Amino acid sequence: MWKELRLLFQRESLCDEAFNAALVMLEASASMFRDAVASLRREGSLELDIYERDRQINKYERDVRRKIVTHLAISTSPDTNMGLILTAIVIDIERIGDITKNIVELAADIEQAFTGGEIEAEIASVETTVTQMFDKIVPALRNGDVDLAREIYEVHEGVAGTVEENLQRLVTGQVLTDDSAVAATATLYLRYLKRISAHLKNVATSIVNPYYRIGFREKPGDEEE
């Protein structure tokens, strides 16, 4: 479905420009995320102009919306479905930028490099997995790769499970009981990672689902209920 829609959408230059702008947004958000993680881990600079980069992503979002509206208004054969899909996924991409800002702000609030203590292995695993999701989502969206999109969805399910398990351990006092500062940072960071993963999952579902099921598990032979 996606590839057919993509070919139709490319017929209009404005539509193709909107799609390319969405890809640029996604690549920019991936770069922001990596830099944010590096700042939290003190593997990069805390002097990130994260707000300016986030404003740039917001600018791209507005640009995509403007192009879609123009396309729908002037095209003799507007592709409404793809227009709706693109306007939906740029919202998710913009949200990733907002959460990335939260990670940078968290990094600025702590005095030393963050480490999760006794749950560091679990946090680092989620962190690495989300980074890999960014590596996969751009080619998946660019090429309409259904298999890669499905893989991203399943990976998110694993991220969500790991995060919730460790949050439960944190809130019930099973771990990090002697270091409230690390516990608080770990709780926030895990939440941020899960939310970013969820937004990447939403983008991935746009490749396999119709507009009204974006964000939900693929339903083979889906019919409007």
Protein backbone atom coordinates (compact mmCIF):
# COMPACT_ATOMS: atom_id res chain seq x y z
CA MET A 1 0.00 0.00 0.00
CA TRP A 2 2.69 2.47 1.04
CA LYS A 3 4.74 2.11 -2.13
CA GLU A 4 1.71 2.64 -4.35
CA LEU A 5 0.70 5.73 -2.39
CA ARG A 6 4.27 6.98 -2.50
CA LEU A 7 4.36 6.74 -6.28
CA LEU A 8 1.09 8.63 -6.56
CA PHE A 9 2.28 11.26 -4.13
CA GLN A 10 5.48 11.89 -6.10
CA ARG A 11 3.46 13.11 -9.04
CA GLU A 12 3.05 16.43 -7.31
CA SER A 13 6.28 18.29 -6.51
CA LEU A 14 4.78 19.85 -3.38
CA CYS A 15 3.91 16.42 -2.06
CA ASP A 16 7.38 15.10 -2.70
CA GLU A 17 8.87 18.15 -0.98
CA ALA A 18 6.64 17.52 2.04
CA PHE A 19 7.75 13.89 2.22
CA ASN A 20 11.42 14.87 1.98
CA ALA A 21 10.94 17.49 4.70
CA ALA A 22 9.51 14.80 6.97
CA LEU A 23 12.60 12.68 6.35
CA VAL A 24 14.85 15.63 7.18
CA MET A 25 12.89 16.14 10.43
CA LEU A 26 13.41 12.50 11.33
CA GLU A 27 17.14 12.63 10.61
CA ALA A 28 17.47 15.82 12.65
CA SER A 29 15.63 14.28 15.59
CA ALA A 30 17.95 11.26 15.44
CA SER A 31 20.99 13.55 15.60
CA MET A 32 19.47 15.49 18.51
CA PHE A 33 18.77 12.27 20.40
CA ARG A 34 22.33 11.00 20.06
CA ASP A 35 23.74 14.31 21.24
CA ALA A 36 21.31 14.43 24.15
CA VAL A 37 22.32 10.95 25.31
CA ALA A 38 25.98 11.91 24.99
CA SER A 39 25.40 14.99 27.16
CA LEU A 40 23.66 12.92 29.83
CA ARG A 41 26.49 10.41 29.83
CA ARG A 42 29.06 13.24 29.70
CA GLU A 43 30.41 11.83 26.46
CA GLY A 44 29.56 15.06 24.70
CA SER A 45 29.16 18.75 25.43
CA LEU A 46 26.45 20.15 27.68
CA GLU A 47 26.57 23.33 25.59
CA LEU A 48 24.15 22.05 22.99
CA ASP A 49 21.99 24.53 21.13
CA ILE A 50 19.17 22.07 21.53
CA TYR A 51 16.48 24.74 21.55
CA GLU A 52 17.52 26.16 18.19
CA ARG A 53 17.61 22.67 16.70
CA ASP A 54 14.17 21.97 18.11
CA ARG A 55 12.88 25.21 16.60
CA GLN A 56 14.21 24.05 13.25
CA ILE A 57 12.26 20.81 13.55
CA ASN A 58 9.14 22.82 14.40
CA LYS A 59 9.77 24.93 11.30
CA TYR A 60 9.92 21.80 9.15
CA GLU A 61 6.66 20.59 10.66
CA ARG A 62 4.92 23.82 9.69
CA ASP A 63 6.47 23.56 6.23
CA VAL A 64 5.10 20.05 5.77
CA ARG A 65 1.64 21.15 6.86
CA ARG A 66 1.72 24.15 4.50
CA LYS A 67 2.76 22.00 1.55
CA ILE A 68 0.06 19.43 2.30
CA VAL A 69 -2.67 22.05 2.57
CA THR A 70 -1.50 23.68 -0.66
CA HIS A 71 -1.43 20.33 -2.43
CA LEU A 72 -4.96 19.47 -1.28
CA ALA A 73 -6.20 22.90 -2.31
CA ILE A 74 -4.74 23.16 -5.81
CA SER A 75 -4.19 19.62 -7.05
CA THR A 76 -6.65 18.26 -9.58
CA SER A 77 -6.24 14.81 -8.02
CA PRO A 78 -5.19 15.39 -4.38
CA ASP A 79 -3.85 12.43 -2.43
CA THR A 80 -5.79 12.99 0.77
CA ASN A 81 -4.72 9.75 2.43
CA MET A 82 -1.00 10.41 2.12
CA GLY A 83 -1.53 14.00 3.17
CA LEU A 84 -3.23 12.83 6.36
CA ILE A 85 -0.50 10.27 7.02
CA LEU A 86 2.28 12.84 6.65
CA THR A 87 0.58 15.39 8.88
CA ALA A 88 0.16 12.67 11.50
CA ILE A 89 3.74 11.44 11.55
CA VAL A 90 5.32 14.90 11.66
CA ILE A 91 3.49 15.42 14.96
CA ASP A 92 5.25 12.34 16.34
CA ILE A 93 8.60 13.54 15.03
CA GLU A 94 8.09 16.97 16.60
CA ARG A 95 7.29 15.30 19.94
CA ILE A 96 10.61 13.45 19.78
CA GLY A 97 12.35 16.83 19.62
CA ASP A 98 10.50 17.97 22.73
CA ILE A 99 11.46 14.86 24.69
CA THR A 100 15.06 15.19 23.53
CA LYS A 101 15.07 18.67 25.08
CA ASN A 102 13.93 17.06 28.33
CA ILE A 103 16.95 14.73 28.26
CA VAL A 104 19.33 17.65 27.74
CA GLU A 105 17.67 19.55 30.60
CA LEU A 106 18.02 16.46 32.77
CA ALA A 107 21.72 16.31 31.89
CA ALA A 108 22.13 19.94 32.95
CA ASP A 109 20.50 19.22 36.32
CA ILE A 110 22.93 16.51 37.40
CA GLU A 111 26.50 17.18 38.43
CA GLN A 112 28.17 14.05 37.08
CA ALA A 113 27.80 11.63 34.21
CA PHE A 114 24.64 9.62 34.61
CA THR A 115 24.88 5.95 35.44
CA GLY A 116 21.98 3.80 36.50
CA GLY A 117 23.75 1.97 39.29
CA GLU A 118 22.35 -1.50 39.79
CA ILE A 119 19.98 -1.15 36.81
CA GLU A 120 22.55 0.45 34.51
CA ALA A 121 22.68 -2.63 32.27
CA GLU A 122 18.93 -2.47 31.66
CA ILE A 123 18.94 1.29 31.04
CA ALA A 124 21.92 1.07 28.69
CA SER A 125 20.20 -1.73 26.79
CA VAL A 126 17.06 0.38 26.26
CA GLU A 127 19.19 3.38 25.30
CA THR A 128 21.04 1.33 22.68
CA THR A 129 17.82 -0.17 21.35
CA VAL A 130 16.18 3.23 20.87
CA THR A 131 19.31 4.45 19.07
CA GLN A 132 19.06 1.46 16.74
CA MET A 133 15.37 2.23 16.15
CA PHE A 134 16.42 5.64 14.82
CA ASP A 135 18.87 3.91 12.47
CA LYS A 136 16.04 1.78 11.07
CA ILE A 137 13.14 4.23 10.89
CA VAL A 138 14.66 6.58 8.29
CA PRO A 139 15.31 3.90 5.63
CA ALA A 140 12.02 2.21 6.53
CA LEU A 141 10.10 5.40 5.83
CA ARG A 142 12.16 6.42 2.81
CA ASN A 143 11.80 3.04 1.11
CA GLY A 144 8.40 1.99 2.42
CA ASP A 145 10.06 -1.07 3.97
CA VAL A 146 7.17 -3.02 5.50
CA ASP A 147 9.37 -5.68 7.13
CA LEU A 148 11.55 -3.07 8.80
CA ALA A 149 8.46 -1.19 9.99
CA ARG A 150 7.08 -4.36 11.57
CA GLU A 151 10.43 -4.99 13.23
CA ILE A 152 10.41 -1.50 14.74
CA TYR A 153 6.95 -2.12 16.17
CA GLU A 154 8.06 -5.35 17.82
CA VAL A 155 11.21 -3.72 19.18
CA HIS A 156 9.10 -1.02 20.80
CA GLU A 157 7.06 -3.69 22.57
CA GLY A 158 10.27 -4.99 24.11
CA VAL A 159 11.39 -1.48 25.11
CA ALA A 160 8.04 -0.78 26.76
CA GLY A 161 8.18 -4.02 28.71
CA THR A 162 11.72 -3.45 29.97
CA VAL A 163 10.98 0.14 30.96
CA GLU A 164 7.80 -0.73 32.85
CA GLU A 165 9.50 -3.59 34.67
CA ASN A 166 12.30 -1.33 35.88
CA LEU A 167 9.97 1.53 36.77
CA GLN A 168 8.03 -0.90 38.92
CA ARG A 169 11.25 -1.89 40.68
CA LEU A 170 12.07 1.78 41.24
CA VAL A 171 8.71 2.89 42.62
CA THR A 172 8.44 -0.13 44.93
CA GLY A 173 11.89 0.50 46.38
CA GLN A 174 13.49 -2.67 45.09
CA VAL A 175 16.45 -0.86 43.51
CA LEU A 176 18.51 2.31 44.07
CA THR A 177 17.10 2.72 47.57
CA ASP A 178 20.32 4.35 48.81
CA ASP A 179 20.55 6.99 46.09
CA SER A 180 17.38 8.97 45.57
CA ALA A 181 19.01 11.34 43.05
CA VAL A 182 20.03 8.51 40.74
CA ALA A 183 16.66 6.83 41.23
CA ALA A 184 14.84 10.01 40.20
CA THR A 185 17.08 10.54 37.17
CA ALA A 186 16.72 6.91 36.12
CA THR A 187 12.93 7.12 36.42
CA LEU A 188 12.73 10.21 34.23
CA TYR A 189 15.21 8.91 31.68
CA LEU A 190 13.43 5.58 31.30
CA ARG A 191 10.15 7.42 30.75
CA TYR A 192 11.74 9.63 28.11
CA LEU A 193 13.24 6.64 26.31
CA LYS A 194 9.92 4.82 26.27
CA ARG A 195 8.08 7.86 24.92
CA ILE A 196 10.62 8.35 22.13
CA SER A 197 10.35 4.67 21.26
CA ALA A 198 6.56 4.99 21.13
CA HIS A 199 6.72 7.92 18.72
CA LEU A 200 9.13 6.01 16.46
CA LYS A 201 6.72 3.08 16.58
CA ASN A 202 3.89 5.37 15.51
CA VAL A 203 5.87 6.54 12.50
CA ALA A 204 6.64 2.92 11.60
CA THR A 205 2.96 1.94 11.71
CA SER A 206 2.20 4.56 9.05
CA ILE A 207 4.06 2.34 6.60
CA VAL A 208 1.85 -0.71 7.15
CA ASN A 209 -1.46 0.78 8.33
CA PRO A 210 -4.12 3.04 6.88
CA TYR A 211 -4.38 6.51 8.39
CA TYR A 212 -6.97 5.66 11.02
CA ARG A 213 -4.79 2.86 12.47
CA ILE A 214 -1.51 4.80 12.76
CA GLY A 215 -0.01 3.99 16.15
CA PHE A 216 -1.74 0.62 16.43
CA ARG A 217 -0.66 -2.93 15.68
CA GLU A 218 -1.09 -4.00 12.08
CA LYS A 219 -4.34 -5.81 11.42
CA PRO A 220 -4.08 -8.09 8.38
CA GLY A 221 -6.97 -7.64 5.98
CA ASP A 222 -7.97 -4.56 7.94
CA GLU A 223 -11.42 -3.21 7.26
CA GLU A 224 -12.86 -0.09 8.79
CA GLU A 225 -14.80 -1.09 11.89
